[in-house]
PDB file of N, CA and C in Angstrom:
ATOM      1  N   MET A   1    -141.391 141.270-156.979  1.00  0.00           N
ATOM      2  CA  MET A   1    -140.435 140.219-157.215  1.00  0.00           C
ATOM      3  C   MET A   1    -141.188 138.986-157.692  1.00  0.00           C
ATOM      4  N   ALA A   2    -140.721 138.443-158.752  1.00  0.00           N
ATOM      5  CA  ALA A   2    -141.408 137.341-159.397  1.00  0.00           C
ATOM      6  C   ALA A   2    -141.508 136.123-158.494  1.00  0.00           C
ATOM      7  N   GLY A   3    -142.652 135.457-158.579  1.00  0.00           N
ATOM      8  CA  GLY A   3    -142.800 134.202-157.870  1.00  0.00           C
ATOM      9  C   GLY A   3    -143.347 134.313-156.460  1.00  0.00           C
ATOM     10  N   TYR A   4    -143.588 135.508-155.995  1.00  0.00           N
ATOM     11  CA  TYR A   4    -144.057 135.667-154.628  1.00  0.00           C
ATOM     12  C   TYR A   4    -145.439 136.287-154.648  1.00  0.00           C
ATOM     13  N   GLY A   5    -146.425 135.527-154.232  1.00  0.00           N
ATOM     14  CA  GLY A   5    -147.792 136.004-154.247  1.00  0.00           C
ATOM     15  C   GLY A   5    -148.383 136.040-152.858  1.00  0.00           C
ATOM     16  N   ASN A   6    -149.631 136.415-152.791  1.00  0.00           N
ATOM     17  CA  ASN A   6    -150.383 136.423-151.538  1.00  0.00           C
ATOM     18  C   ASN A   6    -149.705 137.231-150.432  1.00  0.00           C
ATOM     19  N   GLY A   7    -149.052 138.331-150.800  1.00  0.00           N
ATOM     20  CA  GLY A   7    -148.442 139.192-149.801  1.00  0.00           C
ATOM     21  C   GLY A   7    -147.154 138.680-149.201  1.00  0.00           C
ATOM     22  N   GLU A   8    -146.545 137.664-149.804  1.00  0.00           N
ATOM     23  CA  GLU A   8    -145.319 137.099-149.231  1.00  0.00           C
ATOM     24  C   GLU A   8    -144.177 138.104-149.195  1.00  0.00           C
ATOM     25  N   LEU A   9    -144.079 138.966-150.209  1.00  0.00           N
ATOM     26  CA  LEU A   9    -143.008 139.961-150.201  1.00  0.00           C
ATOM     27  C   LEU A   9    -143.180 140.901-149.018  1.00  0.00           C
ATOM     28  N   LEU A  10    -144.390 141.372-148.796  1.00  0.00           N
ATOM     29  CA  LEU A  10    -144.624 142.256-147.656  1.00  0.00           C
ATOM     30  C   LEU A  10    -144.472 141.518-146.338  1.00  0.00           C
ATOM     31  N   ALA A  11    -144.704 140.222-146.346  1.00  0.00           N
ATOM     32  CA  ALA A  11    -144.575 139.435-145.118  1.00  0.00           C
ATOM     33  C   ALA A  11    -143.139 139.398-144.607  1.00  0.00           C
ATOM     34  N   VAL A  12    -142.163 139.641-145.478  1.00  0.00           N
ATOM     35  CA  VAL A  12    -140.769 139.637-145.023  1.00  0.00           C
ATOM     36  C   VAL A  12    -140.352 140.994-144.477  1.00  0.00           C
ATOM     37  N   GLN A  13    -141.284 141.923-144.400  1.00  0.00           N
ATOM     38  CA  GLN A  13    -141.055 143.248-143.828  1.00  0.00           C
ATOM     39  C   GLN A  13    -139.875 143.957-144.488  1.00  0.00           C
ATOM     40  N   PRO A  14    -140.049 144.374-145.751  1.00  0.00           N
ATOM     41  CA  PRO A  14    -138.942 145.004-146.465  1.00  0.00           C
ATOM     42  C   PRO A  14    -138.391 146.247-145.776  1.00  0.00           C
ATOM     43  N   GLU A  15    -139.221 146.987-145.061  1.00  0.00           N
ATOM     44  CA  GLU A  15    -138.712 148.173-144.362  1.00  0.00           C
ATOM     45  C   GLU A  15    -137.766 147.783-143.228  1.00  0.00           C
ATOM     46  N   THR A  16    -138.067 146.705-142.540  1.00  0.00           N
ATOM     47  CA  THR A  16    -137.176 146.225-141.483  1.00  0.00           C
ATOM     48  C   THR A  16    -135.850 145.776-142.085  1.00  0.00           C
ATOM     49  N   TRP A  17    -135.923 145.039-143.189  1.00  0.00           N
ATOM     50  CA  TRP A  17    -134.695 144.604-143.856  1.00  0.00           C
ATOM     51  C   TRP A  17    -133.912 145.798-144.369  1.00  0.00           C
ATOM     52  N   ALA A  18    -134.600 146.837-144.841  1.00  0.00           N
ATOM     53  CA  ALA A  18    -133.901 148.037-145.322  1.00  0.00           C
ATOM     54  C   ALA A  18    -133.065 148.642-144.201  1.00  0.00           C
ATOM     55  N   GLY A  19    -133.606 148.683-143.004  1.00  0.00           N
ATOM     56  CA  GLY A  19    -132.852 149.200-141.865  1.00  0.00           C
ATOM     57  C   GLY A  19    -131.608 148.376-141.600  1.00  0.00           C
ATOM     58  N   THR A  20    -131.751 147.071-141.647  1.00  0.00           N
ATOM     59  CA  THR A  20    -130.611 146.172-141.433  1.00  0.00           C
ATOM     60  C   THR A  20    -129.567 146.356-142.530  1.00  0.00           C
ATOM     61  N   ILE A  21    -130.026 146.428-143.763  1.00  0.00           N
ATOM     62  CA  ILE A  21    -129.126 146.587-144.911  1.00  0.00           C
ATOM     63  C   ILE A  21    -128.338 147.889-144.795  1.00  0.00           C
ATOM     64  N   CYS A  22    -129.023 148.974-144.480  1.00  0.00           N
ATOM     65  CA  CYS A  22    -128.345 150.272-144.351  1.00  0.00           C
ATOM     66  C   CYS A  22    -127.344 150.256-143.201  1.00  0.00           C
ATOM     67  N   GLU A  23    -127.705 149.632-142.096  1.00  0.00           N
ATOM     68  CA  GLU A  23    -126.778 149.537-140.958  1.00  0.00           C
ATOM     69  C   GLU A  23    -125.522 148.756-141.335  1.00  0.00           C
ATOM     70  N   MET A  24    -125.690 147.698-142.122  1.00  0.00           N
ATOM     71  CA  MET A  24    -124.530 146.899-142.521  1.00  0.00           C
ATOM     72  C   MET A  24    -123.585 147.709-143.407  1.00  0.00           C
ATOM     73  N   PHE A  25    -124.150 148.465-144.354  1.00  0.00           N
ATOM     74  CA  PHE A  25    -123.296 149.307-145.192  1.00  0.00           C
ATOM     75  C   PHE A  25    -122.641 150.403-144.357  1.00  0.00           C
ATOM     76  N   GLU A  26    -123.341 150.892-143.364  1.00  0.00           N
ATOM     77  CA  GLU A  26    -122.796 151.943-142.498  1.00  0.00           C
ATOM     78  C   GLU A  26    -121.531 151.480-141.773  1.00  0.00           C
ATOM     79  N   ILE A  27    -121.494 150.211-141.388  1.00  0.00           N
ATOM     80  CA  ILE A  27    -120.314 149.711-140.669  1.00  0.00           C
ATOM     81  C   ILE A  27    -119.236 149.179-141.614  1.00  0.00           C
ATOM     82  N   GLY A  28    -119.480 149.306-142.931  1.00  0.00           N
ATOM     83  CA  GLY A  28    -118.447 148.960-143.895  1.00  0.00           C
ATOM     84  C   GLY A  28    -118.554 147.601-144.547  1.00  0.00           C
ATOM     85  N   ALA A  29    -119.687 146.935-144.423  1.00  0.00           N
ATOM     86  CA  ALA A  29    -119.861 145.627-145.056  1.00  0.00           C
ATOM     87  C   ALA A  29    -119.856 145.772-146.578  1.00  0.00           C
ATOM     88  N   THR A  30    -119.429 144.737-147.264  1.00  0.00           N
ATOM     89  CA  THR A  30    -119.433 144.740-148.729  1.00  0.00           C
ATOM     90  C   THR A  30    -120.811 144.342-149.240  1.00  0.00           C
ATOM     91  N   ASN A  31    -121.066 144.661-150.498  1.00  0.00           N
ATOM     92  CA  ASN A  31    -122.328 144.294-151.122  1.00  0.00           C
ATOM     93  C   ASN A  31    -122.536 142.782-151.058  1.00  0.00           C
ATOM     94  N   ALA A  32    -121.493 142.016-151.348  1.00  0.00           N
ATOM     95  CA  ALA A  32    -121.606 140.553-151.342  1.00  0.00           C
ATOM     96  C   ALA A  32    -121.955 140.023-149.954  1.00  0.00           C
ATOM     97  N   SER A  33    -121.334 140.566-148.918  1.00  0.00           N
ATOM     98  CA  SER A  33    -121.620 140.071-147.565  1.00  0.00           C
ATOM     99  C   SER A  33    -123.019 140.472-147.112  1.00  0.00           C
ATOM    100  N   VAL A  34    -123.464 141.663-147.510  1.00  0.00           N
ATOM    101  CA  VAL A  34    -124.826 142.092-147.168  1.00  0.00           C
ATOM    102  C   VAL A  34    -125.831 141.178-147.854  1.00  0.00           C
ATOM    103  N   ALA A  35    -125.637 140.933-149.148  1.00  0.00           N
ATOM    104  CA  ALA A  35    -126.564 140.082-149.896  1.00  0.00           C
ATOM    105  C   ALA A  35    -126.618 138.670-149.320  1.00  0.00           C
ATOM    106  N   LEU A  36    -125.473 138.120-148.955  1.00  0.00           N
ATOM    107  CA  LEU A  36    -125.437 136.775-148.374  1.00  0.00           C
ATOM    108  C   LEU A  36    -126.185 136.731-147.043  1.00  0.00           C
ATOM    109  N   TYR A  37    -125.961 137.726-146.197  1.00  0.00           N
ATOM    110  CA  TYR A  37    -126.641 137.792-144.902  1.00  0.00           C
ATOM    111  C   TYR A  37    -128.154 137.909-145.088  1.00  0.00           C
ATOM    112  N   VAL A  38    -128.570 138.793-145.992  1.00  0.00           N
ATOM    113  CA  VAL A  38    -129.998 139.006-146.235  1.00  0.00           C
ATOM    114  C   VAL A  38    -130.634 137.743-146.807  1.00  0.00           C
ATOM    115  N   LYS A  39    -129.983 137.124-147.785  1.00  0.00           N
ATOM    116  CA  LYS A  39    -130.543 135.912-148.397  1.00  0.00           C
ATOM    117  C   LYS A  39    -130.690 134.800-147.368  1.00  0.00           C
ATOM    118  N   SER A  40    -129.703 134.640-146.520  1.00  0.00           N
ATOM    119  CA  SER A  40    -129.772 133.622-145.472  1.00  0.00           C
ATOM    120  C   SER A  40    -130.945 133.886-144.534  1.00  0.00           C
ATOM    121  N   GLY A  41    -131.085 135.122-144.112  1.00  0.00           N
ATOM    122  CA  GLY A  41    -132.187 135.475-143.212  1.00  0.00           C
ATOM    123  C   GLY A  41    -133.548 135.321-143.863  1.00  0.00           C
ATOM    124  N   LEU A  42    -133.666 135.756-145.108  1.00  0.00           N
ATOM    125  CA  LEU A  42    -134.938 135.643-145.818  1.00  0.00           C
ATOM    126  C   LEU A  42    -135.316 134.186-146.033  1.00  0.00           C
ATOM    127  N   ASN A  43    -134.344 133.368-146.410  1.00  0.00           N
ATOM    128  CA  ASN A  43    -134.643 131.952-146.625  1.00  0.00           C
ATOM    129  C   ASN A  43    -135.087 131.280-145.334  1.00  0.00           C
ATOM    130  N   LYS A  44    -134.480 131.646-144.226  1.00  0.00           N
ATOM    131  CA  LYS A  44    -134.882 131.081-142.941  1.00  0.00           C
ATOM    132  C   LYS A  44    -136.320 131.486-142.612  1.00  0.00           C
ATOM    133  N   GLU A  45    -136.640 132.764-142.766  1.00  0.00           N
ATOM    134  CA  GLU A  45    -138.000 133.243-142.513  1.00  0.00           C
ATOM    135  C   GLU A  45    -138.983 132.644-143.501  1.00  0.00           C
ATOM    136  N   HIS A  46    -138.585 132.597-144.769  1.00  0.00           N
ATOM    137  CA  HIS A  46    -139.485 132.167-145.835  1.00  0.00           C
ATOM    138  C   HIS A  46    -139.888 130.709-145.677  1.00  0.00           C
ATOM    139  N   ARG A  47    -138.929 129.856-145.376  1.00  0.00           N
ATOM    140  CA  ARG A  47    -139.252 128.436-145.200  1.00  0.00           C
ATOM    141  C   ARG A  47    -140.241 128.233-144.060  1.00  0.00           C
ATOM    142  N   ALA A  48    -140.163 129.089-143.066  1.00  0.00           N
ATOM    143  CA  ALA A  48    -141.037 128.933-141.909  1.00  0.00           C
ATOM    144  C   ALA A  48    -142.455 129.417-142.172  1.00  0.00           C
ATOM    145  N   SER A  49    -142.643 130.308-143.163  1.00  0.00           N
ATOM    146  CA  SER A  49    -143.956 130.931-143.280  1.00  0.00           C
ATOM    147  C   SER A  49    -144.567 130.961-144.670  1.00  0.00           C
ATOM    148  N   ALA A  50    -143.881 130.508-145.701  1.00  0.00           N
ATOM    149  CA  ALA A  50    -144.370 130.676-147.068  1.00  0.00           C
ATOM    150  C   ALA A  50    -145.476 129.689-147.421  1.00  0.00           C
ATOM    151  N   PRO A  51    -146.649 130.190-147.802  1.00  0.00           N
ATOM    152  CA  PRO A  51    -147.727 129.299-148.210  1.00  0.00           C
ATOM    153  C   PRO A  51    -147.593 128.803-149.651  1.00  0.00           C
ATOM    154  N   SER A  52    -146.735 129.428-150.455  1.00  0.00           N
ATOM    155  CA  SER A  52    -146.691 129.095-151.879  1.00  0.00           C
ATOM    156  C   SER A  52    -145.850 127.876-152.202  1.00  0.00           C
ATOM    157  N   GLY A  53    -145.032 127.429-151.282  1.00  0.00           N
ATOM    158  CA  GLY A  53    -144.176 126.295-151.552  1.00  0.00           C
ATOM    159  C   GLY A  53    -142.875 126.655-152.242  1.00  0.00           C
ATOM    160  N   VAL A  54    -142.627 127.958-152.466  1.00  0.00           N
ATOM    161  CA  VAL A  54    -141.350 128.382-153.036  1.00  0.00           C
ATOM    162  C   VAL A  54    -140.276 128.106-151.998  1.00  0.00           C
ATOM    163  N   ASN A  55    -139.195 127.458-152.407  1.00  0.00           N
ATOM    164  CA  ASN A  55    -138.183 127.011-151.447  1.00  0.00           C
ATOM    165  C   ASN A  55    -137.294 128.105-150.893  1.00  0.00           C
ATOM    166  N   GLY A  56    -137.138 129.188-151.596  1.00  0.00           N
ATOM    167  CA  GLY A  56    -136.266 130.233-151.078  1.00  0.00           C
ATOM    168  C   GLY A  56    -136.112 131.390-152.034  1.00  0.00           C
ATOM    169  N   TRP A  57    -135.344 132.343-151.611  1.00  0.00           N
ATOM    170  CA  TRP A  57    -135.123 133.556-152.382  1.00  0.00           C
ATOM    171  C   TRP A  57    -133.974 133.345-153.361  1.00  0.00           C
ATOM    172  N   SER A  58    -134.161 133.831-154.578  1.00  0.00           N
ATOM    173  CA  SER A  58    -133.096 133.757-155.578  1.00  0.00           C
ATOM    174  C   SER A  58    -132.101 134.891-155.347  1.00  0.00           C
ATOM    175  N   ASP A  59    -130.940 134.768-155.970  1.00  0.00           N
ATOM    176  CA  ASP A  59    -129.949 135.842-155.895  1.00  0.00           C
ATOM    177  C   ASP A  59    -130.517 137.133-156.482  1.00  0.00           C
ATOM    178  N   PHE A  60    -131.297 137.006-157.554  1.00  0.00           N
ATOM    179  CA  PHE A  60    -131.880 138.190-158.189  1.00  0.00           C
ATOM    180  C   PHE A  60    -132.841 138.900-157.240  1.00  0.00           C
ATOM    181  N   ASP A  61    -133.742 138.149-156.624  1.00  0.00           N
ATOM    182  CA  ASP A  61    -134.713 138.761-155.716  1.00  0.00           C
ATOM    183  C   ASP A  61    -134.030 139.378-154.501  1.00  0.00           C
ATOM    184  N   THR A  62    -133.027 138.699-153.980  1.00  0.00           N
ATOM    185  CA  THR A  62    -132.279 139.238-152.843  1.00  0.00           C
ATOM    186  C   THR A  62    -131.556 140.511-153.252  1.00  0.00           C
ATOM    187  N   GLY A  63    -130.902 140.476-154.405  1.00  0.00           N
ATOM    188  CA  GLY A  63    -130.206 141.659-154.908  1.00  0.00           C
ATOM    189  C   GLY A  63    -131.146 142.825-155.132  1.00  0.00           C
ATOM    190  N   SER A  64    -132.354 142.527-155.595  1.00  0.00           N
ATOM    191  CA  SER A  64    -133.348 143.584-155.798  1.00  0.00           C
ATOM    192  C   SER A  64    -133.739 144.223-154.478  1.00  0.00           C
ATOM    193  N   LEU A  65    -133.947 143.412-153.451  1.00  0.00           N
ATOM    194  CA  LEU A  65    -134.291 143.953-152.137  1.00  0.00           C
ATOM    195  C   LEU A  65    -133.159 144.824-151.605  1.00  0.00           C
ATOM    196  N   VAL A  66    -131.920 144.360-151.748  1.00  0.00           N
ATOM    197  CA  VAL A  66    -130.765 145.144-151.288  1.00  0.00           C
ATOM    198  C   VAL A  66    -130.685 146.452-152.072  1.00  0.00           C
ATOM    199  N   TYR A  67    -130.780 146.376-153.393  1.00  0.00           N
ATOM    200  CA  TYR A  67    -130.656 147.573-154.224  1.00  0.00           C
ATOM    201  C   TYR A  67    -131.735 148.605-153.893  1.00  0.00           C
ATOM    202  N   PHE A  68    -132.985 148.177-153.866  1.00  0.00           N
ATOM    203  CA  PHE A  68    -134.063 149.136-153.621  1.00  0.00           C
ATOM    204  C   PHE A  68    -134.050 149.660-152.191  1.00  0.00           C
ATOM    205  N   SER A  69    -133.591 148.856-151.265  1.00  0.00           N
ATOM    206  CA  SER A  69    -133.445 149.342-149.887  1.00  0.00           C
ATOM    207  C   SER A  69    -132.441 150.480-149.836  1.00  0.00           C
ATOM    208  N   VAL A  70    -131.312 150.277-150.493  1.00  0.00           N
ATOM    209  CA  VAL A  70    -130.283 151.323-150.505  1.00  0.00           C
ATOM    210  C   VAL A  70    -130.780 152.542-151.277  1.00  0.00           C
ATOM    211  N   GLN A  71    -131.399 152.311-152.418  1.00  0.00           N
ATOM    212  CA  GLN A  71    -131.865 153.428-153.244  1.00  0.00           C
ATOM    213  C   GLN A  71    -132.842 154.321-152.484  1.00  0.00           C
ATOM    214  N   TYR A  72    -133.755 153.740-151.735  1.00  0.00           N
ATOM    215  CA  TYR A  72    -134.806 154.527-151.093  1.00  0.00           C
ATOM    216  C   TYR A  72    -134.535 154.891-149.638  1.00  0.00           C
ATOM    217  N   TYR A  73    -133.722 154.126-148.939  1.00  0.00           N
ATOM    218  CA  TYR A  73    -133.533 154.370-147.505  1.00  0.00           C
ATOM    219  C   TYR A  73    -132.157 154.928-147.147  1.00  0.00           C
ATOM    220  N   CYS A  74    -131.149 154.609-147.929  1.00  0.00           N
ATOM    221  CA  CYS A  74    -129.799 155.120-147.619  1.00  0.00           C
ATOM    222  C   CYS A  74    -129.005 155.277-148.920  1.00  0.00           C
ATOM    223  N   PRO A  75    -129.444 156.201-149.783  1.00  0.00           N
ATOM    224  CA  PRO A  75    -128.817 156.355-151.100  1.00  0.00           C
ATOM    225  C   PRO A  75    -127.338 156.737-151.056  1.00  0.00           C
ATOM    226  N   GLU A  76    -126.864 157.201-149.908  1.00  0.00           N
ATOM    227  CA  GLU A  76    -125.442 157.526-149.801  1.00  0.00           C
ATOM    228  C   GLU A  76    -124.561 156.287-149.972  1.00  0.00           C
ATOM    229  N   TYR A  77    -125.153 155.089-149.864  1.00  0.00           N
ATOM    230  CA  TYR A  77    -124.386 153.851-150.018  1.00  0.00           C
ATOM    231  C   TYR A  77    -124.536 153.226-151.402  1.00  0.00           C
ATOM    232  N   LEU A  78    -125.176 153.915-152.339  1.00  0.00           N
ATOM    233  CA  LEU A  78    -125.285 153.376-153.696  1.00  0.00           C
ATOM    234  C   LEU A  78    -123.921 153.021-154.297  1.00  0.00           C
ATOM    235  N   PRO A  79    -122.868 153.824-154.086  1.00  0.00           N
ATOM    236  CA  PRO A  79    -121.558 153.425-154.631  1.00  0.00           C
ATOM    237  C   PRO A  79    -121.064 152.078-154.082  1.00  0.00           C
ATOM    238  N   ALA A  80    -121.473 151.713-152.886  1.00  0.00           N
ATOM    239  CA  ALA A  80    -121.047 150.433-152.304  1.00  0.00           C
ATOM    240  C   ALA A  80    -121.633 149.248-153.063  1.00  0.00           C
ATOM    241  N   LEU A  81    -122.733 149.458-153.768  1.00  0.00           N
ATOM    242  CA  LEU A  81    -123.347 148.368-154.527  1.00  0.00           C
ATOM    243  C   LEU A  81    -122.501 147.974-155.727  1.00  0.00           C
ATOM    244  N   GLU A  82    -121.636 148.858-156.148  1.00  0.00           N
ATOM    245  CA  GLU A  82    -120.789 148.576-157.308  1.00  0.00           C
ATOM    246  C   GLU A  82    -119.539 147.798-156.933  1.00  0.00           C
ATOM    247  N   SER A  83    -119.275 147.661-155.638  1.00  0.00           N
ATOM    248  CA  SER A  83    -118.058 146.953-155.215  1.00  0.00           C
ATOM    249  C   SER A  83    -118.287 145.471-155.091  1.00  0.00           C
TER     250      SER A  83
END
């Protein structure tokens, strides 16, 4: 994801977020609500720990994390990404 260096992407523990994302789709959350929840959580974590001075996660970067989490960890919810 563009703009994140020095291991910052891995610092947000994408596998942990993938579990959360898949659980949210499992209970019927919409793509928009999942993305909003993830972006809020990432921005809270990121502001507390980011050495690069980047203020937060963009919609694109958040959407990428949601998409790839679903693609690799719970592909049965790929149709939910289109809603």
